[in-house]
C-alpha atoms as a PDB file:
ATOM      1  CA  UNK A   1     143.609  82.941 157.645  1.00  0.00           C
ATOM      2  CA  UNK A   2     141.595  84.081 160.610  1.00  0.00           C
ATOM      3  CA  UNK A   3     140.029  86.945 158.464  1.00  0.00           C
ATOM      4  CA  UNK A   4     138.629  84.406 156.156  1.00  0.00           C
ATOM      5  CA  UNK A   5     136.830  82.612 158.885  1.00  0.00           C
ATOM      6  CA  UNK A   6     135.473  86.002 160.146  1.00  0.00           C
ATOM      7  CA  UNK A   7     134.488  86.969 156.574  1.00  0.00           C
ATOM      8  CA  UNK A   8     132.702  83.625 155.919  1.00  0.00           C
ATOM      9  CA  UNK A   9     130.832  83.802 159.324  1.00  0.00           C
ATOM     10  CA  UNK A  10     129.647  87.435 158.599  1.00  0.00           C
ATOM     11  CA  UNK A  11     128.700  86.405 155.057  1.00  0.00           C
ATOM     12  CA  UNK A  12     126.744  83.469 156.424  1.00  0.00           C
ATOM     13  CA  UNK A  13     124.903  85.661 158.909  1.00  0.00           C
ATOM     14  CA  UNK A  14     124.030  88.122 156.260  1.00  0.00           C
ATOM     15  CA  UNK A  15     122.804  85.378 153.952  1.00  0.00           C
ATOM     16  CA  UNK A  16     120.604  83.973 156.633  1.00  0.00           C
ATOM     17  CA  UNK A  17     119.232  87.434 157.560  1.00  0.00           C
ATOM     18  CA  UNK A  18     118.512  88.097 153.849  1.00  0.00           C
ATOM     19  CA  UNK A  19     116.666  84.674 153.393  1.00  0.00           C
ATOM     20  CA  UNK A  20     114.563  85.554 156.488  1.00  0.00           C
ATOM     21  CA  UNK A  21     113.794  89.004 155.010  1.00  0.00           C
ATOM     22  CA  UNK A  22     112.632  87.303 151.635  1.00  0.00           C
ATOM     23  CA  UNK A  23     110.426  84.872 153.498  1.00  0.00           C
ATOM     24  CA  UNK A  24     108.732  87.611 155.401  1.00  0.00           C
ATOM     25  CA  UNK A  25     108.264  89.702 152.275  1.00  0.00           C
ATOM     26  CA  UNK A  26     106.661  86.636 150.578  1.00  0.00           C
ATOM     27  CA  UNK A  27     104.403  86.053 153.565  1.00  0.00           C
ATOM     28  CA  UNK A  28     103.107  89.692 153.398  1.00  0.00           C
ATOM     29  CA  UNK A  29     102.597  89.815 149.687  1.00  0.00           C
ATOM     30  CA  UNK A  30      99.607  88.800 147.586  1.00  0.00           C
ATOM     31  CA  UNK A  31     101.678  85.965 146.068  1.00  0.00           C
ATOM     32  CA  UNK A  32     102.432  84.327 149.457  1.00  0.00           C
ATOM     33  CA  UNK A  33      99.572  81.794 148.920  1.00  0.00           C
ATOM     34  CA  UNK A  34      99.942  80.752 145.288  1.00  0.00           C
ATOM     35  CA  UNK A  35      97.651  77.824 144.530  1.00  0.00           C
ATOM     36  CA  UNK A  36      97.908  77.963 140.726  1.00  0.00           C
ATOM     37  CA  UNK A  37     100.516  79.431 138.396  1.00  0.00           C
ATOM     38  CA  UNK A  38     100.478  79.278 134.590  1.00  0.00           C
ATOM     39  CA  UNK A  39     104.067  79.336 133.235  1.00  0.00           C
ATOM     40  CA  UNK A  40     102.960  79.252 129.555  1.00  0.00           C
ATOM     41  CA  UNK A  41     104.580  75.997 128.399  1.00  0.00           C
ATOM     42  CA  UNK A  42     103.611  74.192 131.582  1.00  0.00           C
ATOM     43  CA  UNK A  43     101.411  74.637 134.624  1.00  0.00           C
ATOM     44  CA  UNK A  44     102.512  74.472 138.283  1.00  0.00           C
ATOM     45  CA  UNK A  45      99.771  73.521 140.626  1.00  0.00           C
ATOM     46  CA  UNK A  46     100.154  72.758 144.299  1.00  0.00           C
ATOM     47  CA  UNK A  47      98.347  69.555 145.165  1.00  0.00           C
ATOM     48  CA  UNK A  48      95.268  69.513 147.283  1.00  0.00           C
ATOM     49  CA  UNK A  49      93.628  72.744 145.942  1.00  0.00           C
ATOM     50  CA  UNK A  50      89.890  72.003 145.872  1.00  0.00           C
ATOM     51  CA  UNK A  51      88.172  72.265 142.678  1.00  0.00           C
ATOM     52  CA  UNK A  52      90.895  73.917 140.535  1.00  0.00           C
ATOM     53  CA  UNK A  53      92.024  71.983 137.547  1.00  0.00           C
ATOM     54  CA  UNK A  54      95.490  72.352 136.415  1.00  0.00           C
ATOM     55  CA  UNK A  55      94.413  73.060 132.755  1.00  0.00           C
ATOM     56  CA  UNK A  56      92.160  75.662 131.168  1.00  0.00           C
ATOM     57  CA  UNK A  57      89.113  76.727 133.171  1.00  0.00           C
ATOM     58  CA  UNK A  58      85.716  76.536 131.408  1.00  0.00           C
ATOM     59  CA  UNK A  59      82.375  78.096 132.089  1.00  0.00           C
ATOM     60  CA  UNK A  60      79.347  76.422 130.517  1.00  0.00           C
ATOM     61  CA  UNK A  61      77.151  79.398 131.647  1.00  0.00           C
ATOM     62  CA  UNK A  62      79.242  81.948 129.769  1.00  0.00           C
ATOM     63  CA  UNK A  63      80.642  79.633 127.171  1.00  0.00           C
ATOM     64  CA  UNK A  64      84.097  80.977 128.146  1.00  0.00           C
ATOM     65  CA  UNK A  65      87.412  79.435 128.820  1.00  0.00           C
ATOM     66  CA  UNK A  66      90.752  80.813 130.038  1.00  0.00           C
ATOM     67  CA  UNK A  67      93.820  80.230 132.045  1.00  0.00           C
ATOM     68  CA  UNK A  68      94.773  83.018 134.641  1.00  0.00           C
ATOM     69  CA  UNK A  69      98.447  83.667 135.176  1.00  0.00           C
ATOM     70  CA  UNK A  70      98.098  82.960 138.933  1.00  0.00           C
ATOM     71  CA  UNK A  71      95.429  82.223 141.563  1.00  0.00           C
ATOM     72  CA  UNK A  72      96.302  83.009 145.131  1.00  0.00           C
ATOM     73  CA  UNK A  73      94.313  82.130 148.241  1.00  0.00           C
ATOM     74  CA  UNK A  74      93.405  85.193 150.296  1.00  0.00           C
ATOM     75  CA  UNK A  75      91.236  84.899 153.457  1.00  0.00           C
ATOM     76  CA  UNK A  76      89.572  81.642 152.081  1.00  0.00           C
ATOM     77  CA  UNK A  77      88.920  83.213 148.595  1.00  0.00           C
ATOM     78  CA  UNK A  78      90.560  82.181 145.357  1.00  0.00           C
ATOM     79  CA  UNK A  79      91.812  85.446 143.745  1.00  0.00           C
ATOM     80  CA  UNK A  80      93.166  85.645 140.130  1.00  0.00           C
ATOM     81  CA  UNK A  81      96.308  87.668 139.480  1.00  0.00           C
ATOM     82  CA  UNK A  82      96.932  88.759 135.896  1.00  0.00           C
ATOM     83  CA  UNK A  83     100.657  89.632 135.114  1.00  0.00           C
ATOM     84  CA  UNK A  84     101.427  92.250 132.452  1.00  0.00           C
ATOM     85  CA  UNK A  85     104.809  92.935 130.991  1.00  0.00           C
ATOM     86  CA  UNK A  86     104.032  96.681 130.208  1.00  0.00           C
ATOM     87  CA  UNK A  87     104.735  99.602 132.518  1.00  0.00           C
ATOM     88  CA  UNK A  88     102.073 100.353 135.098  1.00  0.00           C
ATOM     89  CA  UNK A  89      99.620 102.943 133.681  1.00  0.00           C
ATOM     90  CA  UNK A  90      97.825 105.474 135.802  1.00  0.00           C
ATOM     91  CA  UNK A  91      94.777 103.282 135.800  1.00  0.00           C
ATOM     92  CA  UNK A  92      94.363  99.674 134.370  1.00  0.00           C
ATOM     93  CA  UNK A  93      93.481  99.275 130.835  1.00  0.00           C
ATOM     94  CA  UNK A  94      89.843  98.423 130.147  1.00  0.00           C
ATOM     95  CA  UNK A  95      90.820  95.238 128.232  1.00  0.00           C
ATOM     96  CA  UNK A  96      92.962  94.123 131.077  1.00  0.00           C
ATOM     97  CA  UNK A  97      90.099  94.592 133.533  1.00  0.00           C
ATOM     98  CA  UNK A  98      87.774  92.584 131.358  1.00  0.00           C
ATOM     99  CA  UNK A  99      90.273  89.736 131.069  1.00  0.00           C
ATOM    100  CA  UNK A 100      90.573  89.684 134.881  1.00  0.00           C
ATOM    101  CA  UNK A 101      86.810  89.767 135.220  1.00  0.00           C
ATOM    102  CA  UNK A 102      86.663  86.734 132.961  1.00  0.00           C
ATOM    103  CA  UNK A 103      88.954  84.936 135.195  1.00  0.00           C
ATOM    104  CA  UNK A 104      87.038  85.932 138.321  1.00  0.00           C
ATOM    105  CA  UNK A 105      83.755  84.509 136.647  1.00  0.00           C
ATOM    106  CA  UNK A 106      85.606  81.225 135.622  1.00  0.00           C
ATOM    107  CA  UNK A 107      86.902  80.705 139.012  1.00  0.00           C
ATOM    108  CA  UNK A 108      83.491  81.304 140.562  1.00  0.00           C
ATOM    109  CA  UNK A 109      81.858  78.862 138.296  1.00  0.00           C
ATOM    110  CA  UNK A 110      84.507  76.116 138.594  1.00  0.00           C
ATOM    111  CA  UNK A 111      84.879  76.340 142.390  1.00  0.00           C
ATOM    112  CA  UNK A 112      81.299  77.383 143.287  1.00  0.00           C
ATOM    113  CA  UNK A 113      82.893  80.084 145.608  1.00  0.00           C
ATOM    114  CA  UNK A 114      82.569  83.870 145.372  1.00  0.00           C
ATOM    115  CA  UNK A 115      85.524  85.759 144.087  1.00  0.00           C
ATOM    116  CA  UNK A 116      85.641  89.249 145.691  1.00  0.00           C
ATOM    117  CA  UNK A 117      88.357  90.769 143.615  1.00  0.00           C
ATOM    118  CA  UNK A 118      91.384  90.128 141.499  1.00  0.00           C
ATOM    119  CA  UNK A 119      94.805  91.835 140.794  1.00  0.00           C
ATOM    120  CA  UNK A 120      96.410  93.239 137.676  1.00  0.00           C
ATOM    121  CA  UNK A 121     100.154  93.492 138.245  1.00  0.00           C
ATOM    122  CA  UNK A 122     102.066  95.464 135.713  1.00  0.00           C
ATOM    123  CA  UNK A 123     105.892  95.221 135.362  1.00  0.00           C
ATOM    124  CA  UNK A 124     106.524  97.956 137.945  1.00  0.00           C
ATOM    125  CA  UNK A 125     104.647  99.413 140.870  1.00  0.00           C
ATOM    126  CA  UNK A 126     101.898  98.106 143.090  1.00  0.00           C
ATOM    127  CA  UNK A 127      99.170  95.834 141.635  1.00  0.00           C
ATOM    128  CA  UNK A 128      95.674  97.267 140.882  1.00  0.00           C
ATOM    129  CA  UNK A 129      93.003  95.495 143.096  1.00  0.00           C
ATOM    130  CA  UNK A 130      89.885  95.288 140.998  1.00  0.00           C
ATOM    131  CA  UNK A 131      86.603  94.536 142.711  1.00  0.00           C
ATOM    132  CA  UNK A 132      84.451  91.813 141.095  1.00  0.00           C
ATOM    133  CA  UNK A 133      81.056  93.323 141.898  1.00  0.00           C
ATOM    134  CA  UNK A 134      77.655  93.229 140.162  1.00  0.00           C
ATOM    135  CA  UNK A 135      78.679  96.244 137.929  1.00  0.00           C
ATOM    136  CA  UNK A 136      81.711  94.516 136.610  1.00  0.00           C
ATOM    137  CA  UNK A 137      79.843  91.100 136.129  1.00  0.00           C
ATOM    138  CA  UNK A 138      77.268  92.982 134.034  1.00  0.00           C
ATOM    139  CA  UNK A 139      79.973  94.820 132.007  1.00  0.00           C
ATOM    140  CA  UNK A 140      81.655  91.450 131.408  1.00  0.00           C
ATOM    141  CA  UNK A 141      78.487  89.832 130.166  1.00  0.00           C
ATOM    142  CA  UNK A 142      77.737  92.816 127.966  1.00  0.00           C
ATOM    143  CA  UNK A 143      81.235  92.681 126.534  1.00  0.00           C
ATOM    144  CA  UNK A 144      81.037  89.002 125.740  1.00  0.00           C
ATOM    145  CA  UNK A 145      77.636  89.661 123.943  1.00  0.00           C
ATOM    146  CA  UNK A 146      79.257  92.368 122.046  1.00  0.00           C
ATOM    147  CA  UNK A 147      82.184  90.228 120.979  1.00  0.00           C
ATOM    148  CA  UNK A 148      79.856  87.306 119.985  1.00  0.00           C
ATOM    149  CA  UNK A 149      77.822  89.699 117.859  1.00  0.00           C
ATOM    150  CA  UNK A 150      80.932  90.927 116.106  1.00  0.00           C
ATOM    151  CA  UNK A 151      81.865  87.320 115.341  1.00  0.00           C
ATOM    152  CA  UNK A 152      78.399  86.558 113.840  1.00  0.00           C
ATOM    153  CA  UNK A 153      78.058  89.698 111.792  1.00  0.00           C
ATOM    154  CA  UNK A 154      81.598  90.423 110.830  1.00  0.00           C
ATOM    155  CA  UNK A 155      81.180  94.002 112.112  1.00  0.00           C
ATOM    156  CA  UNK A 156      84.549  94.431 114.026  1.00  0.00           C
ATOM    157  CA  UNK A 157      86.030  97.596 115.289  1.00  0.00           C
ATOM    158  CA  UNK A 158      89.468  98.348 114.122  1.00  0.00           C
ATOM    159  CA  UNK A 159      92.201  99.094 116.776  1.00  0.00           C
ATOM    160  CA  UNK A 160      94.644 101.904 116.558  1.00  0.00           C
ATOM    161  CA  UNK A 161      97.386  99.674 117.829  1.00  0.00           C
ATOM    162  CA  UNK A 162      99.133  98.361 114.740  1.00  0.00           C
ATOM    163  CA  UNK A 163     100.786  95.524 116.503  1.00  0.00           C
ATOM    164  CA  UNK A 164      97.515  94.154 117.643  1.00  0.00           C
ATOM    165  CA  UNK A 165      96.165  94.566 114.177  1.00  0.00           C
ATOM    166  CA  UNK A 166      98.893  92.581 112.565  1.00  0.00           C
ATOM    167  CA  UNK A 167      98.187  89.427 114.604  1.00  0.00           C
ATOM    168  CA  UNK A 168      94.428  89.836 115.025  1.00  0.00           C
ATOM    169  CA  UNK A 169      92.260  86.679 114.338  1.00  0.00           C
ATOM    170  CA  UNK A 170      89.516  89.004 112.979  1.00  0.00           C
ATOM    171  CA  UNK A 171      91.770  90.718 110.333  1.00  0.00           C
ATOM    172  CA  UNK A 172      90.010  88.927 107.415  1.00  0.00           C
ATOM    173  CA  UNK A 173      86.780  90.783 108.487  1.00  0.00           C
ATOM    174  CA  UNK A 174      88.202  94.172 109.330  1.00  0.00           C
ATOM    175  CA  UNK A 175      87.640  97.084 107.023  1.00  0.00           C
ATOM    176  CA  UNK A 176      91.040  98.479 107.687  1.00  0.00           C
ATOM    177  CA  UNK A 177      93.086  95.275 107.431  1.00  0.00           C
ATOM    178  CA  UNK A 178      95.274  94.365 104.388  1.00  0.00           C
ATOM    179  CA  UNK A 179      94.399  90.743 105.044  1.00  0.00           C
ATOM    180  CA  UNK A 180      90.662  91.389 104.552  1.00  0.00           C
ATOM    181  CA  UNK A 181      88.908  88.869 102.442  1.00  0.00           C
ATOM    182  CA  UNK A 182      86.030  90.167 100.383  1.00  0.00           C
ATOM    183  CA  UNK A 183      82.925  88.087 100.763  1.00  0.00           C
END
């Protein structure tokens, strides 16, 4: 019977030590100060976060809307975190970088505060820290212009990824799609 008390005490001490370890890990990670989190079907938002709505972010300047997976507070800056379920590549995919850049721009316009960078977190490994500098802002604007031109003209570039092609909203305009409607 005494061994059960000793076992329970040791287990309790180990549990407390592990909880302390988890708390310290969270404090040191980029997710320690989550101020916004999109959980797909519902949004969790900590109260008192200045200027961040709990729904979709909208930019009148860019005519763009979106909902980042997370926004963390880092050294007084709101920083978007884009979560990806795929394995970590050697470098982030260009489309993922543009998506993150769009979230940076949205947060800047909604809050009126500069966003210095964002993170792309793949299923494994360390997150990529992406600087939101003038070069990336210009690339974002050029990409948005290119996308809008494709929408207006119907001149879309086909993808090599068949899974993306199957669910593409532009399939009716794509020369390689079976869903193409001749106009």
